[in-house]
All heavy atoms as atom14 arrays in JSON, in Angstrom:
{
  "sequence": "PTQIGYDADDSHAEGEVGKVGVSITSLKDMMKCFDGIPLDKVSTS",
  "atom14_mask": [
    [1, 1, 1, 1, 1, 1, 1, 0, 0, 0, 0, 0, 0, 0],
    [1, 1, 1, 1, 1, 1, 1, 0, 0, 0, 0, 0, 0, 0],
    [1, 1, 1, 1, 1, 1, 1, 1, 1, 0, 0, 0, 0, 0],
    [1, 1, 1, 1, 1, 1, 1, 1, 0, 0, 0, 0, 0, 0],
    [1, 1, 1, 1, 0, 0, 0, 0, 0, 0, 0, 0, 0, 0],
    [1, 1, 1, 1, 1, 1, 1, 1, 1, 1, 1, 1, 0, 0],
    [1, 1, 1, 1, 1, 1, 1, 1, 0, 0, 0, 0, 0, 0],
    [1, 1, 1, 1, 1, 0, 0, 0, 0, 0, 0, 0, 0, 0],
    [1, 1, 1, 1, 1, 1, 1, 1, 0, 0, 0, 0, 0, 0],
    [1, 1, 1, 1, 1, 1, 1, 1, 0, 0, 0, 0, 0, 0],
    [1, 1, 1, 1, 1, 1, 0, 0, 0, 0, 0, 0, 0, 0],
    [1, 1, 1, 1, 1, 1, 1, 1, 1, 1, 0, 0, 0, 0],
    [1, 1, 1, 1, 1, 0, 0, 0, 0, 0, 0, 0, 0, 0],
    [1, 1, 1, 1, 1, 1, 1, 1, 1, 0, 0, 0, 0, 0],
    [1, 1, 1, 1, 0, 0, 0, 0, 0, 0, 0, 0, 0, 0],
    [1, 1, 1, 1, 1, 1, 1, 1, 1, 0, 0, 0, 0, 0],
    [1, 1, 1, 1, 1, 1, 1, 0, 0, 0, 0, 0, 0, 0],
    [1, 1, 1, 1, 0, 0, 0, 0, 0, 0, 0, 0, 0, 0],
    [1, 1, 1, 1, 1, 1, 1, 1, 1, 0, 0, 0, 0, 0],
    [1, 1, 1, 1, 1, 1, 1, 0, 0, 0, 0, 0, 0, 0],
    [1, 1, 1, 1, 0, 0, 0, 0, 0, 0, 0, 0, 0, 0],
    [1, 1, 1, 1, 1, 1, 1, 0, 0, 0, 0, 0, 0, 0],
    [1, 1, 1, 1, 1, 1, 0, 0, 0, 0, 0, 0, 0, 0],
    [1, 1, 1, 1, 1, 1, 1, 1, 0, 0, 0, 0, 0, 0],
    [1, 1, 1, 1, 1, 1, 1, 0, 0, 0, 0, 0, 0, 0],
    [1, 1, 1, 1, 1, 1, 0, 0, 0, 0, 0, 0, 0, 0],
    [1, 1, 1, 1, 1, 1, 1, 1, 0, 0, 0, 0, 0, 0],
    [1, 1, 1, 1, 1, 1, 1, 1, 1, 0, 0, 0, 0, 0],
    [1, 1, 1, 1, 1, 1, 1, 1, 0, 0, 0, 0, 0, 0],
    [1, 1, 1, 1, 1, 1, 1, 1, 0, 0, 0, 0, 0, 0],
    [1, 1, 1, 1, 1, 1, 1, 1, 0, 0, 0, 0, 0, 0],
    [1, 1, 1, 1, 1, 1, 1, 1, 1, 0, 0, 0, 0, 0],
    [1, 1, 1, 1, 1, 1, 0, 0, 0, 0, 0, 0, 0, 0],
    [1, 1, 1, 1, 1, 1, 1, 1, 1, 1, 1, 0, 0, 0],
    [1, 1, 1, 1, 1, 1, 1, 1, 0, 0, 0, 0, 0, 0],
    [1, 1, 1, 1, 0, 0, 0, 0, 0, 0, 0, 0, 0, 0],
    [1, 1, 1, 1, 1, 1, 1, 1, 0, 0, 0, 0, 0, 0],
    [1, 1, 1, 1, 1, 1, 1, 0, 0, 0, 0, 0, 0, 0],
    [1, 1, 1, 1, 1, 1, 1, 1, 0, 0, 0, 0, 0, 0],
    [1, 1, 1, 1, 1, 1, 1, 1, 0, 0, 0, 0, 0, 0],
    [1, 1, 1, 1, 1, 1, 1, 1, 1, 0, 0, 0, 0, 0],
    [1, 1, 1, 1, 1, 1, 1, 0, 0, 0, 0, 0, 0, 0],
    [1, 1, 1, 1, 1, 1, 0, 0, 0, 0, 0, 0, 0, 0],
    [1, 1, 1, 1, 1, 1, 1, 0, 0, 0, 0, 0, 0, 0],
    [1, 1, 1, 1, 1, 1, 0, 0, 0, 0, 0, 0, 0, 0]
  ],
  "atom14_positions": [
    [[-45.74, -93.23, -15.72], [-45.37, -94.24, -16.72], [-43.89, -94.61, -16.67], [-43.52, -95.79, -16.77], [-45.74, -93.57, -18.05], [-46.86, -92.65, -17.7], [-46.48, -92.11, -16.35], [0.0, 0.0, 0.0], [0.0, 0.0, 0.0], [0.0, 0.0, 0.0], [0.0, 0.0, 0.0], [0.0, 0.0, 0.0], [0.0, 0.0, 0.0], [0.0, 0.0, 0.0]],
    [[-43.02, -93.62, -16.49], [-41.59, -93.89, -16.37], [-41.3, -94.72, -15.13], [-40.49, -95.65, -15.16], [-40.8, -92.57, -16.33], [-41.11, -91.79, -17.5], [-39.3, -92.82, -16.29], [0.0, 0.0, 0.0], [0.0, 0.0, 0.0], [0.0, 0.0, 0.0], [0.0, 0.0, 0.0], [0.0, 0.0, 0.0], [0.0, 0.0, 0.0], [0.0, 0.0, 0.0]],
    [[-41.99, -94.4, -14.04], [-41.76, -95.12, -12.78], [-42.16, -96.59, -12.85], [-41.56, -97.43, -12.17], [-42.53, -94.45, -11.64], [-42.01, -93.07, -11.27], [-42.78, -92.49, -10.1], [-43.04, -93.15, -9.1], [-43.17, -91.23, -10.23], [0.0, 0.0, 0.0], [0.0, 0.0, 0.0], [0.0, 0.0, 0.0], [0.0, 0.0, 0.0], [0.0, 0.0, 0.0]],
    [[-43.17, -96.9, -13.66], [-43.63, -98.29, -13.69], [-43.39, -98.96, -15.05], [-43.99, -99.99, -15.36], [-45.11, -98.42, -13.26], [-46.01, -97.5, -14.08], [-45.25, -98.13, -11.78], [-47.48, -97.63, -13.74], [0.0, 0.0, 0.0], [0.0, 0.0, 0.0], [0.0, 0.0, 0.0], [0.0, 0.0, 0.0], [0.0, 0.0, 0.0], [0.0, 0.0, 0.0]],
    [[-42.48, -98.38, -15.83], [-41.97, -99.08, -17.0], [-42.85, -99.1, -18.23], [-42.9, -100.11, -18.94], [0.0, 0.0, 0.0], [0.0, 0.0, 0.0], [0.0, 0.0, 0.0], [0.0, 0.0, 0.0], [0.0, 0.0, 0.0], [0.0, 0.0, 0.0], [0.0, 0.0, 0.0], [0.0, 0.0, 0.0], [0.0, 0.0, 0.0], [0.0, 0.0, 0.0]],
    [[-43.52, -97.98, -18.51], [-44.33, -97.89, -19.72], [-43.88, -96.71, -20.56], [-43.61, -95.62, -20.03], [-45.82, -97.72, -19.39], [-46.44, -98.95, -18.76], [-46.92, -98.91, -17.45], [-46.54, -100.14, -19.47], [-47.49, -100.04, -16.87], [-47.11, -101.27, -18.89], [-47.57, -101.22, -17.59], [-48.13, -102.33, -17.02], [0.0, 0.0, 0.0], [0.0, 0.0, 0.0]],
    [[-43.8, -96.91, -21.87], [-43.51, -95.81, -22.77], [-44.72, -94.88, -22.88], [-45.85, -95.28, -22.57], [-43.14, -96.33, -24.16], [-41.79, -97.02, -24.18], [-40.94, -96.68, -23.34], [-41.58, -97.91, -25.05], [0.0, 0.0, 0.0], [0.0, 0.0, 0.0], [0.0, 0.0, 0.0], [0.0, 0.0, 0.0], [0.0, 0.0, 0.0], [0.0, 0.0, 0.0]],
    [[-44.49, -93.67, -23.36], [-45.56, -92.67, -23.43], [-46.67, -93.06, -24.38], [-47.8, -92.56, -24.27], [-44.97, -91.32, -23.83], [0.0, 0.0, 0.0], [0.0, 0.0, 0.0], [0.0, 0.0, 0.0], [0.0, 0.0, 0.0], [0.0, 0.0, 0.0], [0.0, 0.0, 0.0], [0.0, 0.0, 0.0], [0.0, 0.0, 0.0], [0.0, 0.0, 0.0]],
    [[-46.39, -93.96, -25.34], [-47.44, -94.38, -26.28], [-48.13, -95.67, -25.87], [-48.94, -96.22, -26.61], [-46.86, -94.51, -27.7], [-45.71, -95.5, -27.78], [-45.31, -96.05, -26.72], [-45.19, -95.72, -28.9], [0.0, 0.0, 0.0], [0.0, 0.0, 0.0], [0.0, 0.0, 0.0], [0.0, 0.0, 0.0], [0.0, 0.0, 0.0], [0.0, 0.0, 0.0]],
    [[-47.82, -96.16, -24.67], [-48.51, -97.35, -24.16], [-49.87, -96.95, -23.61], [-50.02, -95.88, -23.01], [-47.65, -97.99, -23.04], [-48.12, -99.37, -22.66], [-49.26, -99.5, -22.14], [-47.36, -100.33, -22.85], [0.0, 0.0, 0.0], [0.0, 0.0, 0.0], [0.0, 0.0, 0.0], [0.0, 0.0, 0.0], [0.0, 0.0, 0.0], [0.0, 0.0, 0.0]],
    [[-50.87, -97.81, -23.79], [-52.22, -97.47, -23.31], [-52.26, -97.28, -21.79], [-53.1, -96.52, -21.28], [-53.21, -98.58, -23.71], [-52.83, -99.82, -23.14], [0.0, 0.0, 0.0], [0.0, 0.0, 0.0], [0.0, 0.0, 0.0], [0.0, 0.0, 0.0], [0.0, 0.0, 0.0], [0.0, 0.0, 0.0], [0.0, 0.0, 0.0], [0.0, 0.0, 0.0]],
    [[-51.34, -97.94, -21.07], [-51.3, -97.78, -19.61], [-50.86, -96.38, -19.2], [-51.06, -95.97, -18.05], [-50.32, -98.79, -18.99], [-50.76, -100.21, -19.1], [-50.45, -101.02, -20.17], [-51.51, -100.99, -18.27], [-50.96, -102.22, -20.0], [-51.62, -102.23, -18.86], [0.0, 0.0, 0.0], [0.0, 0.0, 0.0], [0.0, 0.0, 0.0], [0.0, 0.0, 0.0]],
    [[-50.23, -95.64, -20.12], [-49.72, -94.31, -19.8], [-50.73, -93.2, -20.06], [-50.47, -92.03, -19.75], [-48.46, -94.04, -20.62], [0.0, 0.0, 0.0], [0.0, 0.0, 0.0], [0.0, 0.0, 0.0], [0.0, 0.0, 0.0], [0.0, 0.0, 0.0], [0.0, 0.0, 0.0], [0.0, 0.0, 0.0], [0.0, 0.0, 0.0], [0.0, 0.0, 0.0]],
    [[-51.86, -93.53, -20.58], [-52.87, -92.55, -20.98], [-53.2, -91.58, -19.84], [-53.56, -91.99, -18.73], [-54.15, -93.25, -21.42], [-55.26, -92.32, -21.89], [-54.92, -91.64, -23.21], [-54.25, -92.26, -24.05], [-55.34, -90.48, -23.38], [0.0, 0.0, 0.0], [0.0, 0.0, 0.0], [0.0, 0.0, 0.0], [0.0, 0.0, 0.0], [0.0, 0.0, 0.0]],
    [[-53.04, -90.28, -20.11], [-53.41, -89.26, -19.14], [-52.38, -88.97, -18.07], [-52.6, -88.09, -17.23], [0.0, 0.0, 0.0], [0.0, 0.0, 0.0], [0.0, 0.0, 0.0], [0.0, 0.0, 0.0], [0.0, 0.0, 0.0], [0.0, 0.0, 0.0], [0.0, 0.0, 0.0], [0.0, 0.0, 0.0], [0.0, 0.0, 0.0], [0.0, 0.0, 0.0]],
    [[-51.25, -89.69, -18.07], [-50.27, -89.51, -16.99], [-48.91, -89.03, -17.47], [-48.01, -88.82, -16.66], [-50.09, -90.85, -16.23], [-51.28, -91.28, -15.41], [-51.55, -90.35, -14.23], [-50.65, -89.56, -13.86], [-52.66, -90.38, -13.69], [0.0, 0.0, 0.0], [0.0, 0.0, 0.0], [0.0, 0.0, 0.0], [0.0, 0.0, 0.0], [0.0, 0.0, 0.0]],
    [[-48.75, -88.86, -18.76], [-47.43, -88.52, -19.31], [-47.03, -87.09, -18.9], [-47.75, -86.13, -19.16], [-47.41, -88.66, -20.85], [-46.06, -88.2, -21.42], [-47.69, -90.09, -21.25], [0.0, 0.0, 0.0], [0.0, 0.0, 0.0], [0.0, 0.0, 0.0], [0.0, 0.0, 0.0], [0.0, 0.0, 0.0], [0.0, 0.0, 0.0], [0.0, 0.0, 0.0]],
    [[-45.9, -86.99, -18.2], [-45.38, -85.69, -17.79], [-46.1, -85.03, -16.64], [-45.78, -83.89, -16.28], [0.0, 0.0, 0.0], [0.0, 0.0, 0.0], [0.0, 0.0, 0.0], [0.0, 0.0, 0.0], [0.0, 0.0, 0.0], [0.0, 0.0, 0.0], [0.0, 0.0, 0.0], [0.0, 0.0, 0.0], [0.0, 0.0, 0.0], [0.0, 0.0, 0.0]],
    [[-47.04, -85.73, -16.0], [-47.9, -85.07, -15.0], [-47.21, -84.88, -13.64], [-47.25, -83.79, -13.08], [-49.21, -85.86, -14.82], [-50.16, -85.75, -16.02], [-50.7, -84.33, -16.16], [-51.6, -84.19, -17.38], [-52.86, -84.92, -17.25], [0.0, 0.0, 0.0], [0.0, 0.0, 0.0], [0.0, 0.0, 0.0], [0.0, 0.0, 0.0], [0.0, 0.0, 0.0]],
    [[-46.66, -85.92, -13.06], [-46.06, -85.79, -11.73], [-44.54, -85.84, -11.79], [-43.86, -85.93, -10.77], [-46.58, -86.87, -10.76], [-48.07, -86.73, -10.57], [-46.22, -88.27, -11.23], [0.0, 0.0, 0.0], [0.0, 0.0, 0.0], [0.0, 0.0, 0.0], [0.0, 0.0, 0.0], [0.0, 0.0, 0.0], [0.0, 0.0, 0.0], [0.0, 0.0, 0.0]],
    [[-44.01, -85.76, -12.99], [-42.57, -85.79, -13.19], [-42.29, -85.77, -14.68], [-43.21, -85.73, -15.5], [0.0, 0.0, 0.0], [0.0, 0.0, 0.0], [0.0, 0.0, 0.0], [0.0, 0.0, 0.0], [0.0, 0.0, 0.0], [0.0, 0.0, 0.0], [0.0, 0.0, 0.0], [0.0, 0.0, 0.0], [0.0, 0.0, 0.0], [0.0, 0.0, 0.0]],
    [[-41.02, -85.85, -15.02], [-40.63, -85.78, -16.42], [-40.83, -87.15, -17.09], [-40.65, -88.19, -16.48], [-39.17, -85.32, -16.56], [-38.2, -86.29, -15.9], [-38.79, -85.1, -18.01], [0.0, 0.0, 0.0], [0.0, 0.0, 0.0], [0.0, 0.0, 0.0], [0.0, 0.0, 0.0], [0.0, 0.0, 0.0], [0.0, 0.0, 0.0], [0.0, 0.0, 0.0]],
    [[-41.2, -87.12, -18.35], [-41.37, -88.34, -19.14], [-40.03, -88.7, -19.79], [-39.48, -87.93, -20.58], [-42.43, -88.11, -20.23], [-42.48, -89.21, -21.11], [0.0, 0.0, 0.0], [0.0, 0.0, 0.0], [0.0, 0.0, 0.0], [0.0, 0.0, 0.0], [0.0, 0.0, 0.0], [0.0, 0.0, 0.0], [0.0, 0.0, 0.0], [0.0, 0.0, 0.0]],
    [[-39.51, -89.87, -19.43], [-38.24, -90.36, -20.0], [-38.51, -91.72, -20.63], [-38.87, -92.68, -19.94], [-37.14, -90.5, -18.93], [-36.83, -89.14, -18.29], [-35.87, -91.11, -19.52], [-36.15, -88.15, -19.19], [0.0, 0.0, 0.0], [0.0, 0.0, 0.0], [0.0, 0.0, 0.0], [0.0, 0.0, 0.0], [0.0, 0.0, 0.0], [0.0, 0.0, 0.0]],
    [[-38.33, -91.8, -21.95], [-38.57, -93.08, -22.62], [-37.32, -93.63, -23.31], [-37.28, -94.82, -23.62], [-39.68, -92.93, -23.68], [-39.32, -91.87, -24.59], [-41.01, -92.6, -23.03], [0.0, 0.0, 0.0], [0.0, 0.0, 0.0], [0.0, 0.0, 0.0], [0.0, 0.0, 0.0], [0.0, 0.0, 0.0], [0.0, 0.0, 0.0], [0.0, 0.0, 0.0]],
    [[-36.32, -92.78, -23.53], [-35.14, -93.26, -24.25], [-33.93, -92.4, -23.93], [-34.04, -91.38, -23.24], [-35.39, -93.23, -25.77], [-35.36, -91.88, -26.23], [0.0, 0.0, 0.0], [0.0, 0.0, 0.0], [0.0, 0.0, 0.0], [0.0, 0.0, 0.0], [0.0, 0.0, 0.0], [0.0, 0.0, 0.0], [0.0, 0.0, 0.0], [0.0, 0.0, 0.0]],
    [[-32.79, -92.8, -24.47], [-31.55, -92.05, -24.29], [-31.68, -90.62, -24.81], [-31.11, -89.69, -24.24], [-30.4, -92.79, -24.99], [-29.02, -92.15, -24.94], [-28.59, -91.87, -23.51], [-28.0, -93.05, -25.65], [0.0, 0.0, 0.0], [0.0, 0.0, 0.0], [0.0, 0.0, 0.0], [0.0, 0.0, 0.0], [0.0, 0.0, 0.0], [0.0, 0.0, 0.0]],
    [[-32.46, -90.44, -25.86], [-32.64, -89.09, -26.4], [-33.28, -88.16, -25.37], [-32.89, -87.0, -25.22], [-33.48, -89.13, -27.68], [-32.72, -89.66, -28.89], [-33.5, -89.42, -30.18], [-32.66, -89.81, -31.4], [-33.35, -89.52, -32.67], [0.0, 0.0, 0.0], [0.0, 0.0, 0.0], [0.0, 0.0, 0.0], [0.0, 0.0, 0.0], [0.0, 0.0, 0.0]],
    [[-34.27, -88.66, -24.63], [-34.91, -87.85, -23.59], [-33.91, -87.48, -22.5], [-33.88, -86.33, -22.04], [-36.09, -88.61, -22.97], [-37.3, -88.68, -23.88], [-37.48, -87.76, -24.68], [-38.05, -89.67, -23.79], [0.0, 0.0, 0.0], [0.0, 0.0, 0.0], [0.0, 0.0, 0.0], [0.0, 0.0, 0.0], [0.0, 0.0, 0.0], [0.0, 0.0, 0.0]],
    [[-33.12, -88.45, -22.05], [-32.17, -88.19, -20.97], [-31.11, -87.18, -21.41], [-30.73, -86.29, -20.63], [-31.51, -89.49, -20.51], [-30.71, -89.34, -19.22], [-31.72, -88.91, -17.78], [-32.0, -90.52, -17.06], [0.0, 0.0, 0.0], [0.0, 0.0, 0.0], [0.0, 0.0, 0.0], [0.0, 0.0, 0.0], [0.0, 0.0, 0.0], [0.0, 0.0, 0.0]],
    [[-30.68, -87.28, -22.64], [-29.7, -86.32, -23.15], [-30.28, -84.9, -23.19], [-29.6, -83.93, -22.87], [-29.23, -86.75, -24.53], [-28.34, -87.99, -24.52], [-28.06, -88.67, -26.18], [-27.2, -87.3, -26.96], [0.0, 0.0, 0.0], [0.0, 0.0, 0.0], [0.0, 0.0, 0.0], [0.0, 0.0, 0.0], [0.0, 0.0, 0.0], [0.0, 0.0, 0.0]],
    [[-31.56, -84.79, -23.54], [-32.21, -83.47, -23.56], [-32.34, -82.9, -22.13], [-32.2, -81.7, -21.92], [-33.6, -83.57, -24.19], [-33.59, -83.83, -25.69], [-35.0, -84.06, -26.21], [-35.02, -84.45, -27.67], [-36.39, -84.81, -28.14], [0.0, 0.0, 0.0], [0.0, 0.0, 0.0], [0.0, 0.0, 0.0], [0.0, 0.0, 0.0], [0.0, 0.0, 0.0]],
    [[-32.61, -83.77, -21.17], [-32.75, -83.33, -19.78], [-31.48, -82.65, -19.27], [-31.55, -81.71, -18.48], [-33.06, -84.54, -18.88], [-34.75, -84.6, -18.31], [0.0, 0.0, 0.0], [0.0, 0.0, 0.0], [0.0, 0.0, 0.0], [0.0, 0.0, 0.0], [0.0, 0.0, 0.0], [0.0, 0.0, 0.0], [0.0, 0.0, 0.0], [0.0, 0.0, 0.0]],
    [[-30.33, -83.16, -19.71], [-29.06, -82.67, -19.19], [-28.25, -81.9, -20.24], [-27.05, -81.73, -20.09], [-28.26, -83.83, -18.6], [-28.89, -84.38, -17.37], [-29.73, -85.49, -17.43], [-28.71, -83.76, -16.14], [-30.35, -85.98, -16.28], [-29.32, -84.24, -14.99], [-30.15, -85.35, -15.06], [0.0, 0.0, 0.0], [0.0, 0.0, 0.0], [0.0, 0.0, 0.0]],
    [[-28.94, -81.41, -21.26], [-28.28, -80.6, -22.27], [-27.72, -79.33, -21.62], [-28.44, -78.59, -20.94], [-29.28, -80.21, -23.37], [-28.63, -79.38, -24.46], [-27.55, -79.77, -24.94], [-29.21, -78.34, -24.83], [0.0, 0.0, 0.0], [0.0, 0.0, 0.0], [0.0, 0.0, 0.0], [0.0, 0.0, 0.0], [0.0, 0.0, 0.0], [0.0, 0.0, 0.0]],
    [[-26.42, -79.1, -21.79], [-25.81, -77.92, -21.21], [-25.51, -78.03, -19.73], [-25.08, -77.06, -19.1], [0.0, 0.0, 0.0], [0.0, 0.0, 0.0], [0.0, 0.0, 0.0], [0.0, 0.0, 0.0], [0.0, 0.0, 0.0], [0.0, 0.0, 0.0], [0.0, 0.0, 0.0], [0.0, 0.0, 0.0], [0.0, 0.0, 0.0], [0.0, 0.0, 0.0]],
    [[-25.72, -79.21, -19.14], [-25.43, -79.44, -17.72], [-24.35, -80.52, -17.65], [-24.66, -81.71, -17.84], [-26.68, -79.88, -16.93], [-27.77, -78.8, -17.03], [-26.33, -80.15, -15.47], [-29.1, -79.21, -16.42], [0.0, 0.0, 0.0], [0.0, 0.0, 0.0], [0.0, 0.0, 0.0], [0.0, 0.0, 0.0], [0.0, 0.0, 0.0], [0.0, 0.0, 0.0]],
    [[-23.09, -80.18, -17.43], [-22.01, -81.18, -17.44], [-22.12, -82.14, -16.26], [-22.13, -81.73, -15.1], [-20.74, -80.33, -17.37], [-21.17, -79.03, -16.77], [-22.59, -78.81, -17.17], [0.0, 0.0, 0.0], [0.0, 0.0, 0.0], [0.0, 0.0, 0.0], [0.0, 0.0, 0.0], [0.0, 0.0, 0.0], [0.0, 0.0, 0.0], [0.0, 0.0, 0.0]],
    [[-22.21, -83.44, -16.55], [-22.45, -84.43, -15.5], [-21.22, -84.7, -14.63], [-21.35, -85.36, -13.59], [-22.95, -85.73, -16.13], [-24.29, -85.63, -16.88], [-24.84, -87.02, -17.19], [-25.32, -84.82, -16.11], [0.0, 0.0, 0.0], [0.0, 0.0, 0.0], [0.0, 0.0, 0.0], [0.0, 0.0, 0.0], [0.0, 0.0, 0.0], [0.0, 0.0, 0.0]],
    [[-20.06, -84.19, -15.03], [-18.89, -84.3, -14.15], [-18.82, -83.15, -13.15], [-17.95, -83.13, -12.29], [-17.59, -84.38, -14.96], [-17.41, -83.18, -15.88], [-18.4, -82.47, -16.15], [-16.27, -82.96, -16.34], [0.0, 0.0, 0.0], [0.0, 0.0, 0.0], [0.0, 0.0, 0.0], [0.0, 0.0, 0.0], [0.0, 0.0, 0.0], [0.0, 0.0, 0.0]],
    [[-19.76, -82.2, -13.25], [-19.75, -81.02, -12.38], [-20.95, -80.97, -11.43], [-21.01, -80.13, -10.55], [-19.75, -79.74, -13.23], [-18.54, -79.59, -14.14], [-17.27, -79.31, -13.36], [-16.13, -78.86, -14.27], [-15.72, -79.87, -15.24], [0.0, 0.0, 0.0], [0.0, 0.0, 0.0], [0.0, 0.0, 0.0], [0.0, 0.0, 0.0], [0.0, 0.0, 0.0]],
    [[-21.93, -81.85, -11.62], [-23.15, -81.79, -10.83], [-23.48, -83.16, -10.27], [-23.16, -84.19, -10.86], [-24.33, -81.26, -11.7], [-24.75, -82.29, -12.72], [-25.52, -80.85, -10.85], [0.0, 0.0, 0.0], [0.0, 0.0, 0.0], [0.0, 0.0, 0.0], [0.0, 0.0, 0.0], [0.0, 0.0, 0.0], [0.0, 0.0, 0.0], [0.0, 0.0, 0.0]],
    [[-24.1, -83.17, -9.09], [-24.58, -84.41, -8.47], [-26.09, -84.51, -8.71], [-26.81, -83.52, -8.53], [-24.28, -84.39, -6.97], [-24.97, -85.4, -6.29], [0.0, 0.0, 0.0], [0.0, 0.0, 0.0], [0.0, 0.0, 0.0], [0.0, 0.0, 0.0], [0.0, 0.0, 0.0], [0.0, 0.0, 0.0], [0.0, 0.0, 0.0], [0.0, 0.0, 0.0]],
    [[-26.55, -85.68, -9.12], [-27.96, -85.86, -9.46], [-28.58, -86.99, -8.66], [-28.07, -88.11, -8.65], [-28.14, -86.16, -10.96], [-27.54, -85.11, -11.73], [-29.6, -86.28, -11.33], [0.0, 0.0, 0.0], [0.0, 0.0, 0.0], [0.0, 0.0, 0.0], [0.0, 0.0, 0.0], [0.0, 0.0, 0.0], [0.0, 0.0, 0.0], [0.0, 0.0, 0.0]],
    [[-29.69, -86.71, -8.01], [-30.47, -87.74, -7.33], [-31.69, -88.06, -8.19], [-32.36, -87.15, -8.68], [-30.92, -87.24, -5.95], [-31.82, -88.15, -5.35], [0.0, 0.0, 0.0], [0.0, 0.0, 0.0], [0.0, 0.0, 0.0], [0.0, 0.0, 0.0], [0.0, 0.0, 0.0], [0.0, 0.0, 0.0], [0.0, 0.0, 0.0], [0.0, 0.0, 0.0]]
  ]
}
């Protein structure tokens, strides 16, 4: 769903949320992903 632009509550996302990767729908999710990981010290692909 994240890869093809659907939020987790969209009907197109049914059954696929978090399955082959992390579910990111908003800034809050991204902040949780990198909580305690300083972005000036790590390289992210």
